[in-house]
Amino acid sequence: MANQTATLEMTFLGHSAFQIRHRGQTLLIDPFLTGNPVAAVREEELNPDVILLTHGHADHVGDTVALAKRTGALVVANFEIVNWLSEQGVKNAHPMHLGGQHAFEFGVVKLTIAHHGSSLPDGSYGGNPAGIVLTLGDHKVYHAGDTALFSDMALIGEMGIDVAILPIGDNFTMGPDDAVRAVQFLQPKYVIPCHYQTWDLIHQDANAFAETVREQTEAEPVVLEPGENFVL
């Protein structure tokens, strides 16, 4: 799974938070750490260059304001979230929206649809939730954010996804059965489950999910404990 010449290292930080290191850049996705009972690190231990947000809920925006103010990291999110971050004193942010794509120095970001909600931590409007497709060198990583299953995942799969990060917790998002169907639509090389085990309400057996993925798809499941890495 790991090798010395790999150019992309992903670390599961707990819940839906991931750190990605690629060619000297450190990216964070949905950095919910403070108040996260399964968080692998504390906010002050991280020094991202870029923060990417799928939607505005507190368990995804998380520590973005503190991180961005302390490090000066670029925050990439939808237009409404960027406006809200500006009101919180975040100065370095790039607004996008669904279907939009932008080439940054670190790679290419495309926002996809997601079926969920997106109010911000103070209850204000957070725009539409999104998934994120990251093109980093030769690799494409899809973080689905919080979402229900939707058939247009097949179109996302046509982009050639290397790693799909999918929620499996049920109740608020897809559960394991729908996530397996999502893998069938997306046809990634690898799939990493997230958004489970954080609280009892979203408790799931990730190893059972992984076994079903192996039985019913061509993807290789990768189950990470908070703090563990996956390297391409």
C-alpha atoms as a PDB file:
ATOM      1  CA  MET A   1       0.000   0.000   0.000  1.00  0.00           C
ATOM      2  CA  ALA A   2       2.849   2.403   0.795  1.00  0.00           C
ATOM      3  CA  ASN A   3       6.030   2.948  -1.171  1.00  0.00           C
ATOM      4  CA  GLN A   4       9.040   5.214  -0.995  1.00  0.00           C
ATOM      5  CA  THR A   5       8.412   6.899  -4.356  1.00  0.00           C
ATOM      6  CA  ALA A   6       4.763   7.796  -3.727  1.00  0.00           C
ATOM      7  CA  THR A   7       3.786  11.413  -4.238  1.00  0.00           C
ATOM      8  CA  LEU A   8       0.547  11.544  -2.249  1.00  0.00           C
ATOM      9  CA  GLU A   9       0.025  10.769   1.443  1.00  0.00           C
ATOM     10  CA  MET A  10      -3.432  10.840   3.017  1.00  0.00           C
ATOM     11  CA  THR A  11      -3.990  10.844   6.781  1.00  0.00           C
ATOM     12  CA  PHE A  12      -7.401  10.204   8.317  1.00  0.00           C
ATOM     13  CA  LEU A  13      -7.850  12.671  11.180  1.00  0.00           C
ATOM     14  CA  GLY A  14     -11.230  11.347  12.337  1.00  0.00           C
ATOM     15  CA  HIS A  15     -14.880  11.859  11.291  1.00  0.00           C
ATOM     16  CA  SER A  16     -14.591  13.399   7.781  1.00  0.00           C
ATOM     17  CA  ALA A  17     -11.289  15.225   8.295  1.00  0.00           C
ATOM     18  CA  PHE A  18      -8.305  14.314   6.139  1.00  0.00           C
ATOM     19  CA  GLN A  19      -4.815  15.678   5.656  1.00  0.00           C
ATOM     20  CA  ILE A  20      -3.209  15.264   2.243  1.00  0.00           C
ATOM     21  CA  ARG A  21       0.476  15.891   1.579  1.00  0.00           C
ATOM     22  CA  HIS A  22       1.563  16.256  -2.011  1.00  0.00           C
ATOM     23  CA  ARG A  23       4.730  17.769  -3.472  1.00  0.00           C
ATOM     24  CA  GLY A  24       5.534  19.853  -0.419  1.00  0.00           C
ATOM     25  CA  GLN A  25       1.975  21.116   0.111  1.00  0.00           C
ATOM     26  CA  THR A  26      -0.272  20.185   3.038  1.00  0.00           C
ATOM     27  CA  LEU A  27      -4.027  20.204   2.428  1.00  0.00           C
ATOM     28  CA  LEU A  28      -6.782  19.724   4.994  1.00  0.00           C
ATOM     29  CA  ILE A  29     -10.344  18.716   4.181  1.00  0.00           C
ATOM     30  CA  ASP A  30     -13.147  19.455   6.691  1.00  0.00           C
ATOM     31  CA  PRO A  31     -10.843  19.963   9.716  1.00  0.00           C
ATOM     32  CA  PHE A  32     -13.230  19.193  12.603  1.00  0.00           C
ATOM     33  CA  LEU A  33     -10.826  18.576  15.493  1.00  0.00           C
ATOM     34  CA  THR A  34     -11.875  20.537  18.580  1.00  0.00           C
ATOM     35  CA  GLY A  35     -14.880  18.748  20.060  1.00  0.00           C
ATOM     36  CA  ASN A  36     -14.316  15.697  17.863  1.00  0.00           C
ATOM     37  CA  PRO A  37     -14.126  12.682  20.228  1.00  0.00           C
ATOM     38  CA  VAL A  38     -12.089  10.639  17.733  1.00  0.00           C
ATOM     39  CA  ALA A  39      -9.753  13.377  16.463  1.00  0.00           C
ATOM     40  CA  ALA A  40      -6.197  12.170  15.928  1.00  0.00           C
ATOM     41  CA  VAL A  41      -4.569  15.585  16.436  1.00  0.00           C
ATOM     42  CA  ARG A  42      -5.227  19.001  17.939  1.00  0.00           C
ATOM     43  CA  GLU A  43      -5.704  22.115  15.837  1.00  0.00           C
ATOM     44  CA  GLU A  44      -2.441  23.645  17.025  1.00  0.00           C
ATOM     45  CA  GLU A  45      -0.476  20.625  15.753  1.00  0.00           C
ATOM     46  CA  LEU A  46      -1.371  21.264  12.117  1.00  0.00           C
ATOM     47  CA  ASN A  47       0.128  23.748   9.670  1.00  0.00           C
ATOM     48  CA  PRO A  48      -1.826  23.507   6.421  1.00  0.00           C
ATOM     49  CA  ASP A  49      -1.160  25.435   3.250  1.00  0.00           C
ATOM     50  CA  VAL A  50      -4.729  24.875   2.044  1.00  0.00           C
ATOM     51  CA  ILE A  51      -8.071  24.081   3.712  1.00  0.00           C
ATOM     52  CA  LEU A  52     -10.964  22.716   1.643  1.00  0.00           C
ATOM     53  CA  LEU A  53     -14.537  22.605   2.923  1.00  0.00           C
ATOM     54  CA  THR A  54     -17.406  20.483   1.632  1.00  0.00           C
ATOM     55  CA  HIS A  55     -20.166  22.341   3.494  1.00  0.00           C
ATOM     56  CA  GLY A  56     -20.935  24.596   6.414  1.00  0.00           C
ATOM     57  CA  HIS A  57     -21.926  22.262   9.259  1.00  0.00           C
ATOM     58  CA  ALA A  58     -19.895  22.619  12.443  1.00  0.00           C
ATOM     59  CA  ASP A  59     -18.559  19.057  12.214  1.00  0.00           C
ATOM     60  CA  HIS A  60     -16.931  19.969   8.889  1.00  0.00           C
ATOM     61  CA  VAL A  61     -16.005  23.663   9.135  1.00  0.00           C
ATOM     62  CA  GLY A  62     -14.604  22.718  12.528  1.00  0.00           C
ATOM     63  CA  ASP A  63     -11.371  24.561  13.301  1.00  0.00           C
ATOM     64  CA  THR A  64     -11.100  26.336   9.946  1.00  0.00           C
ATOM     65  CA  VAL A  65     -11.246  29.866  11.344  1.00  0.00           C
ATOM     66  CA  ALA A  66      -8.537  29.234  13.956  1.00  0.00           C
ATOM     67  CA  LEU A  67      -6.328  27.361  11.492  1.00  0.00           C
ATOM     68  CA  ALA A  68      -6.669  29.962   8.743  1.00  0.00           C
ATOM     69  CA  LYS A  69      -5.961  32.870  11.071  1.00  0.00           C
ATOM     70  CA  ARG A  70      -2.938  31.177  12.651  1.00  0.00           C
ATOM     71  CA  THR A  71      -1.323  29.815   9.480  1.00  0.00           C
ATOM     72  CA  GLY A  72      -2.619  32.063   6.711  1.00  0.00           C
ATOM     73  CA  ALA A  73      -3.748  28.954   4.818  1.00  0.00           C
ATOM     74  CA  LEU A  74      -5.843  29.446   1.698  1.00  0.00           C
ATOM     75  CA  VAL A  75      -9.436  28.305   2.307  1.00  0.00           C
ATOM     76  CA  VAL A  76     -11.387  26.962  -0.667  1.00  0.00           C
ATOM     77  CA  ALA A  77     -15.151  26.681  -0.197  1.00  0.00           C
ATOM     78  CA  ASN A  78     -18.431  27.735  -1.719  1.00  0.00           C
ATOM     79  CA  PHE A  79     -19.283  31.421  -2.086  1.00  0.00           C
ATOM     80  CA  GLU A  80     -21.538  31.608   0.969  1.00  0.00           C
ATOM     81  CA  ILE A  81     -19.035  29.926   3.269  1.00  0.00           C
ATOM     82  CA  VAL A  82     -16.242  32.201   2.052  1.00  0.00           C
ATOM     83  CA  ASN A  83     -18.400  35.248   2.800  1.00  0.00           C
ATOM     84  CA  TRP A  84     -19.054  33.911   6.302  1.00  0.00           C
ATOM     85  CA  LEU A  85     -15.360  33.195   6.851  1.00  0.00           C
ATOM     86  CA  SER A  86     -14.558  36.769   5.820  1.00  0.00           C
ATOM     87  CA  GLU A  87     -16.920  37.985   8.544  1.00  0.00           C
ATOM     88  CA  GLN A  88     -14.948  35.832  11.017  1.00  0.00           C
ATOM     89  CA  GLY A  89     -11.707  37.555  10.010  1.00  0.00           C
ATOM     90  CA  VAL A  90     -10.354  35.023   7.526  1.00  0.00           C
ATOM     91  CA  LYS A  91      -8.559  36.986   4.810  1.00  0.00           C
ATOM     92  CA  ASN A  92      -7.217  34.328   2.429  1.00  0.00           C
ATOM     93  CA  ALA A  93     -10.107  32.458   0.813  1.00  0.00           C
ATOM     94  CA  HIS A  94     -11.215  31.470  -2.669  1.00  0.00           C
ATOM     95  CA  PRO A  95     -14.948  31.152  -3.470  1.00  0.00           C
ATOM     96  CA  MET A  96     -16.274  28.451  -5.784  1.00  0.00           C
ATOM     97  CA  HIS A  97     -19.585  26.760  -6.465  1.00  0.00           C
ATOM     98  CA  LEU A  98     -21.128  23.531  -7.733  1.00  0.00           C
ATOM     99  CA  GLY A  99     -19.818  22.376 -11.086  1.00  0.00           C
ATOM    100  CA  GLY A 100     -17.020  24.918 -10.978  1.00  0.00           C
ATOM    101  CA  GLN A 101     -13.364  24.011 -11.388  1.00  0.00           C
ATOM    102  CA  HIS A 102     -10.246  26.040 -10.676  1.00  0.00           C
ATOM    103  CA  ALA A 103      -6.547  25.342 -11.154  1.00  0.00           C
ATOM    104  CA  PHE A 104      -4.463  26.337  -8.146  1.00  0.00           C
ATOM    105  CA  GLU A 105      -0.712  26.009  -7.708  1.00  0.00           C
ATOM    106  CA  PHE A 106      -1.223  22.870  -5.602  1.00  0.00           C
ATOM    107  CA  GLY A 107      -3.653  21.201  -8.032  1.00  0.00           C
ATOM    108  CA  VAL A 108      -7.119  21.392  -9.551  1.00  0.00           C
ATOM    109  CA  VAL A 109     -10.306  21.593  -7.464  1.00  0.00           C
ATOM    110  CA  LYS A 110     -13.768  20.776  -8.796  1.00  0.00           C
ATOM    111  CA  LEU A 111     -16.921  21.018  -6.682  1.00  0.00           C
ATOM    112  CA  THR A 112     -19.579  18.391  -7.331  1.00  0.00           C
ATOM    113  CA  ILE A 113     -23.125  18.106  -6.087  1.00  0.00           C
ATOM    114  CA  ALA A 114     -23.930  16.501  -2.739  1.00  0.00           C
ATOM    115  CA  HIS A 115     -27.370  15.877  -1.277  1.00  0.00           C
ATOM    116  CA  HIS A 116     -27.345  17.213   2.279  1.00  0.00           C
ATOM    117  CA  GLY A 117     -27.735  20.555   4.121  1.00  0.00           C
ATOM    118  CA  SER A 118     -25.285  23.379   4.753  1.00  0.00           C
ATOM    119  CA  SER A 119     -26.119  25.786   7.564  1.00  0.00           C
ATOM    120  CA  LEU A 120     -23.090  27.373   9.225  1.00  0.00           C
ATOM    121  CA  PRO A 121     -22.152  26.995  12.914  1.00  0.00           C
ATOM    122  CA  ASP A 122     -24.092  30.143  13.869  1.00  0.00           C
ATOM    123  CA  GLY A 123     -27.163  28.979  11.939  1.00  0.00           C
ATOM    124  CA  SER A 124     -26.694  31.270   8.942  1.00  0.00           C
ATOM    125  CA  TYR A 125     -27.072  30.068   5.365  1.00  0.00           C
ATOM    126  CA  GLY A 126     -24.140  28.025   4.099  1.00  0.00           C
ATOM    127  CA  GLY A 127     -25.079  27.606   0.447  1.00  0.00           C
ATOM    128  CA  ASN A 128     -25.263  24.206  -1.201  1.00  0.00           C
ATOM    129  CA  PRO A 129     -23.229  21.275   0.132  1.00  0.00           C
ATOM    130  CA  ALA A 130     -20.585  19.865  -2.176  1.00  0.00           C
ATOM    131  CA  GLY A 131     -18.258  17.031  -2.878  1.00  0.00           C
ATOM    132  CA  ILE A 132     -14.684  17.774  -3.895  1.00  0.00           C
ATOM    133  CA  VAL A 133     -12.648  16.227  -6.703  1.00  0.00           C
ATOM    134  CA  LEU A 134      -8.952  16.998  -6.272  1.00  0.00           C
ATOM    135  CA  THR A 135      -6.508  16.480  -9.111  1.00  0.00           C
ATOM    136  CA  LEU A 136      -3.050  16.302  -7.575  1.00  0.00           C
ATOM    137  CA  GLY A 137      -0.425  15.383 -10.117  1.00  0.00           C
ATOM    138  CA  ASP A 138      -1.479  12.074 -11.636  1.00  0.00           C
ATOM    139  CA  HIS A 139      -3.968  11.321  -8.851  1.00  0.00           C
ATOM    140  CA  LYS A 140      -7.667  12.121  -8.498  1.00  0.00           C
ATOM    141  CA  VAL A 141      -9.220  12.074  -5.028  1.00  0.00           C
ATOM    142  CA  TYR A 142     -12.983  12.421  -4.521  1.00  0.00           C
ATOM    143  CA  HIS A 143     -14.207  13.453  -1.069  1.00  0.00           C
ATOM    144  CA  ALA A 144     -17.977  13.082  -1.242  1.00  0.00           C
ATOM    145  CA  GLY A 145     -18.648  15.230   1.817  1.00  0.00           C
ATOM    146  CA  ASP A 146     -21.926  14.458   3.559  1.00  0.00           C
ATOM    147  CA  THR A 147     -24.323  13.073   0.989  1.00  0.00           C
ATOM    148  CA  ALA A 148     -27.035  10.647   0.088  1.00  0.00           C
ATOM    149  CA  LEU A 149     -26.499   8.216  -2.756  1.00  0.00           C
ATOM    150  CA  PHE A 150     -27.178   9.740  -6.182  1.00  0.00           C
ATOM    151  CA  SER A 151     -26.894   8.200  -9.627  1.00  0.00           C
ATOM    152  CA  ASP A 152     -24.798  11.063 -11.038  1.00  0.00           C
ATOM    153  CA  MET A 153     -21.892   9.611  -9.083  1.00  0.00           C
ATOM    154  CA  ALA A 154     -21.450   7.579 -12.254  1.00  0.00           C
ATOM    155  CA  LEU A 155     -20.535  10.836 -14.046  1.00  0.00           C
ATOM    156  CA  ILE A 156     -18.003  11.651 -11.348  1.00  0.00           C
ATOM    157  CA  GLY A 157     -16.577   8.181 -11.857  1.00  0.00           C
ATOM    158  CA  GLU A 158     -15.977   8.983 -15.509  1.00  0.00           C
ATOM    159  CA  MET A 159     -13.309  11.428 -14.342  1.00  0.00           C
ATOM    160  CA  GLY A 160     -11.140   8.454 -13.347  1.00  0.00           C
ATOM    161  CA  ILE A 161     -11.154   8.482  -9.549  1.00  0.00           C
ATOM    162  CA  ASP A 162      -8.173   6.921  -7.799  1.00  0.00           C
ATOM    163  CA  VAL A 163      -9.437   7.313  -4.229  1.00  0.00           C
ATOM    164  CA  ALA A 164     -13.053   7.839  -3.172  1.00  0.00           C
ATOM    165  CA  ILE A 165     -13.709   8.994   0.398  1.00  0.00           C
ATOM    166  CA  LEU A 166     -17.310   8.130   1.253  1.00  0.00           C
ATOM    167  CA  PRO A 167     -19.486   8.565   4.348  1.00  0.00           C
ATOM    168  CA  ILE A 168     -20.964   5.334   5.699  1.00  0.00           C
ATOM    169  CA  GLY A 169     -22.452   6.417   9.029  1.00  0.00           C
ATOM    170  CA  ASP A 170     -26.122   6.369   7.962  1.00  0.00           C
ATOM    171  CA  ASN A 171     -28.793   8.552   9.636  1.00  0.00           C
ATOM    172  CA  PHE A 172     -27.268  11.840   8.383  1.00  0.00           C
ATOM    173  CA  THR A 173     -25.599  10.449   5.222  1.00  0.00           C
ATOM    174  CA  MET A 174     -25.376   7.292   3.159  1.00  0.00           C
ATOM    175  CA  GLY A 175     -25.160   4.093   5.132  1.00  0.00           C
ATOM    176  CA  PRO A 176     -22.956   1.133   4.206  1.00  0.00           C
ATOM    177  CA  ASP A 177     -25.356  -0.378   1.654  1.00  0.00           C
ATOM    178  CA  ASP A 178     -25.780   2.867  -0.270  1.00  0.00           C
ATOM    179  CA  ALA A 179     -22.047   3.531  -0.032  1.00  0.00           C
ATOM    180  CA  VAL A 180     -21.356   0.188  -1.721  1.00  0.00           C
ATOM    181  CA  ARG A 181     -23.719   1.233  -4.506  1.00  0.00           C
ATOM    182  CA  ALA A 182     -21.802   4.524  -4.713  1.00  0.00           C
ATOM    183  CA  VAL A 183     -18.584   2.571  -5.213  1.00  0.00           C
ATOM    184  CA  GLN A 184     -20.255   0.721  -8.070  1.00  0.00           C
ATOM    185  CA  PHE A 185     -21.160   4.048  -9.689  1.00  0.00           C
ATOM    186  CA  LEU A 186     -17.769   5.675  -9.069  1.00  0.00           C
ATOM    187  CA  GLN A 187     -15.510   2.695  -9.876  1.00  0.00           C
ATOM    188  CA  PRO A 188     -12.517   4.068  -7.957  1.00  0.00           C
ATOM    189  CA  LYS A 189      -9.304   2.137  -7.436  1.00  0.00           C
ATOM    190  CA  TYR A 190      -9.564   2.593  -3.664  1.00  0.00           C
ATOM    191  CA  VAL A 191     -12.355   3.580  -1.279  1.00  0.00           C
ATOM    192  CA  ILE A 192     -11.917   4.981   2.241  1.00  0.00           C
ATOM    193  CA  PRO A 193     -14.949   5.127   4.575  1.00  0.00           C
ATOM    194  CA  CYS A 194     -15.509   8.142   6.817  1.00  0.00           C
ATOM    195  CA  HIS A 195     -18.212   9.876   8.878  1.00  0.00           C
ATOM    196  CA  TYR A 196     -18.780   6.887  11.168  1.00  0.00           C
ATOM    197  CA  GLN A 197     -17.882   5.886  14.758  1.00  0.00           C
ATOM    198  CA  THR A 198     -17.658   9.515  15.896  1.00  0.00           C
ATOM    199  CA  TRP A 199     -20.832   9.110  17.952  1.00  0.00           C
ATOM    200  CA  ASP A 200     -23.082   6.142  18.748  1.00  0.00           C
ATOM    201  CA  LEU A 201     -25.726   7.402  16.318  1.00  0.00           C
ATOM    202  CA  ILE A 202     -23.399   6.792  13.360  1.00  0.00           C
ATOM    203  CA  HIS A 203     -21.708   3.640  14.626  1.00  0.00           C
ATOM    204  CA  GLN A 204     -20.904   1.242  11.765  1.00  0.00           C
ATOM    205  CA  ASP A 205     -18.728  -1.800  11.139  1.00  0.00           C
ATOM    206  CA  ALA A 206     -16.222  -0.502   8.611  1.00  0.00           C
ATOM    207  CA  ASN A 207     -14.605  -3.907   8.198  1.00  0.00           C
ATOM    208  CA  ALA A 208     -17.953  -5.436   7.199  1.00  0.00           C
ATOM    209  CA  PHE A 209     -18.382  -2.587   4.700  1.00  0.00           C
ATOM    210  CA  ALA A 210     -14.904  -3.308   3.345  1.00  0.00           C
ATOM    211  CA  GLU A 211     -15.707  -6.986   2.889  1.00  0.00           C
ATOM    212  CA  THR A 212     -18.863  -6.148   0.925  1.00  0.00           C
ATOM    213  CA  VAL A 213     -16.888  -3.720  -1.251  1.00  0.00           C
ATOM    214  CA  ARG A 214     -14.446  -6.515  -2.074  1.00  0.00           C
ATOM    215  CA  GLU A 215     -17.280  -8.919  -2.881  1.00  0.00           C
ATOM    216  CA  GLN A 216     -19.384  -6.580  -5.008  1.00  0.00           C
ATOM    217  CA  THR A 217     -16.956  -4.143  -6.659  1.00  0.00           C
ATOM    218  CA  GLU A 218     -13.494  -3.950  -8.212  1.00  0.00           C
ATOM    219  CA  ALA A 219     -12.311  -1.323  -5.698  1.00  0.00           C
ATOM    220  CA  GLU A 220      -9.883  -1.985  -2.883  1.00  0.00           C
ATOM    221  CA  PRO A 221     -11.275  -0.779   0.464  1.00  0.00           C
ATOM    222  CA  VAL A 222      -8.902   0.971   2.849  1.00  0.00           C
ATOM    223  CA  VAL A 223     -10.129   1.219   6.449  1.00  0.00           C
ATOM    224  CA  LEU A 224      -8.119   3.761   8.418  1.00  0.00           C
ATOM    225  CA  GLU A 225      -8.146   4.427  12.134  1.00  0.00           C
ATOM    226  CA  PRO A 226      -7.765   8.102  13.076  1.00  0.00           C
ATOM    227  CA  GLY A 227      -4.103   9.000  12.650  1.00  0.00           C
ATOM    228  CA  GLU A 228      -3.369   6.274  10.086  1.00  0.00           C
ATOM    229  CA  ASN A 229      -1.984   6.991   6.616  1.00  0.00           C
ATOM    230  CA  PHE A 230      -2.635   5.754   3.109  1.00  0.00           C
ATOM    231  CA  VAL A 231       0.038   6.421   0.491  1.00  0.00           C
ATOM    232  CA  LEU A 232      -0.211   6.375  -3.303  1.00  0.00           C
END
